[in-house]
Amino acid sequence: MTDRVEVTETGTVAYVGPTAVDLFRMITLANGLRWEIKGMRLTRGRTCYAVIKAEYGLKGNKAKVLAQFLPLVEEAKAQMPVVREGEEGA
């Protein structure tokens, strides 16, 4: 079984495999940082901003870190196969 993102006819999305779960985490961190820029917090613990800076070695303020992080997320998305329900491999 390979890592993949599965999408059903109803729109349910499943991230299958460790690499796919890492992609989901990246997407969640990016969304959390967007909310932090607007003044909200996603967690009680470390901020998404702090996690992204520490794990990906990015520098700058929240907006600059988000601008640097989004291409990393998009690159990870592009490398992940998406399987729609009814297609081969689902």
Protein backbone atom coordinates (compact mmCIF):
# COMPACT_ATOMS: atom_id res chain seq x y z
CA MET A 1 0.00 0.00 0.00
CA THR A 2 1.37 3.38 -0.98
CA ASP A 3 0.75 6.69 0.69
CA ARG A 4 -2.14 8.53 -0.93
CA VAL A 5 -5.10 10.81 -0.45
CA GLU A 6 -8.45 9.11 -1.05
CA VAL A 7 -11.56 11.11 -1.97
CA THR A 8 -15.06 9.58 -1.94
CA GLU A 9 -18.01 10.62 -4.09
CA THR A 10 -19.46 12.53 -1.12
CA GLY A 11 -16.24 14.53 -0.71
CA THR A 12 -14.83 12.71 2.32
CA VAL A 13 -11.03 12.84 2.30
CA ALA A 14 -8.78 10.19 3.89
CA TYR A 15 -5.03 10.59 4.24
CA VAL A 16 -3.57 7.07 3.99
CA GLY A 17 -0.02 6.38 5.14
CA PRO A 18 2.59 8.28 7.15
CA THR A 19 3.63 10.65 4.36
CA ALA A 20 -0.01 11.56 3.71
CA VAL A 21 -0.51 12.24 7.44
CA ASP A 22 2.56 14.51 7.35
CA LEU A 23 0.95 16.39 4.44
CA PHE A 24 -2.28 16.79 6.45
CA ARG A 25 -0.22 18.17 9.36
CA MET A 26 1.50 20.67 7.06
CA ILE A 27 -1.87 21.84 5.73
CA THR A 28 -3.17 22.19 9.30
CA LEU A 29 -0.09 24.16 10.37
CA ALA A 30 -0.47 26.51 7.39
CA ASN A 31 -4.16 27.09 8.20
CA GLY A 32 -3.31 27.61 11.87
CA LEU A 33 -0.69 30.21 10.97
CA ARG A 34 -3.25 32.01 8.80
CA TRP A 35 -5.54 32.23 11.86
CA GLU A 36 -2.65 33.36 14.08
CA ILE A 37 -1.94 36.20 11.64
CA LYS A 38 -5.59 37.25 12.10
CA GLY A 39 -5.19 37.13 15.89
CA MET A 40 -6.59 33.71 16.80
CA ARG A 41 -4.86 30.65 18.29
CA LEU A 42 -5.23 27.07 17.04
CA THR A 43 -3.64 25.49 20.13
CA ARG A 44 -3.02 26.16 23.79
CA GLY A 45 0.58 25.00 23.54
CA ARG A 46 3.19 26.07 21.01
CA THR A 47 1.95 28.28 18.22
CA CYS A 48 1.85 27.05 14.64
CA TYR A 49 4.31 29.86 13.90
CA ALA A 50 6.82 28.45 16.43
CA VAL A 51 6.37 24.86 15.19
CA ILE A 52 6.87 25.81 11.53
CA LYS A 53 9.95 27.92 12.31
CA ALA A 54 11.52 25.16 14.42
CA GLU A 55 10.74 22.21 12.13
CA TYR A 56 11.36 23.83 8.76
CA GLY A 57 14.08 26.34 9.68
CA LEU A 58 12.19 29.34 8.34
CA LYS A 59 12.89 32.88 9.52
CA GLY A 60 10.91 36.10 9.61
CA ASN A 61 7.62 37.41 10.93
CA LYS A 62 4.39 35.41 10.68
CA ALA A 63 3.48 36.68 7.21
CA LYS A 64 6.96 36.01 5.82
CA VAL A 65 7.08 32.53 7.34
CA LEU A 66 3.67 31.74 5.82
CA ALA A 67 4.88 32.99 2.42
CA GLN A 68 7.92 30.69 2.68
CA PHE A 69 5.91 27.72 4.01
CA LEU A 70 3.07 27.68 1.45
CA PRO A 71 5.34 26.61 -1.46
CA LEU A 72 6.59 23.71 0.69
CA VAL A 73 2.99 22.64 1.29
CA GLU A 74 2.13 22.93 -2.40
CA GLU A 75 5.21 20.88 -3.35
CA ALA A 76 4.18 18.15 -0.90
CA LYS A 77 0.62 18.21 -2.30
CA ALA A 78 1.92 17.86 -5.85
CA GLN A 79 3.91 14.76 -4.92
CA MET A 80 0.98 13.01 -3.18
CA PRO A 81 -1.24 10.83 -5.41
CA VAL A 82 -4.99 11.50 -5.12
CA VAL A 83 -7.29 8.52 -5.68
CA ARG A 84 -10.98 9.20 -6.27
CA GLU A 85 -13.59 6.59 -5.33
CA GLY A 86 -14.25 4.23 -8.22
CA GLU A 87 -10.80 4.72 -9.75
CA GLU A 88 -8.19 1.99 -9.79
CA GLY A 89 -6.22 1.73 -6.55
CA ALA A 90 -8.99 2.92 -4.22
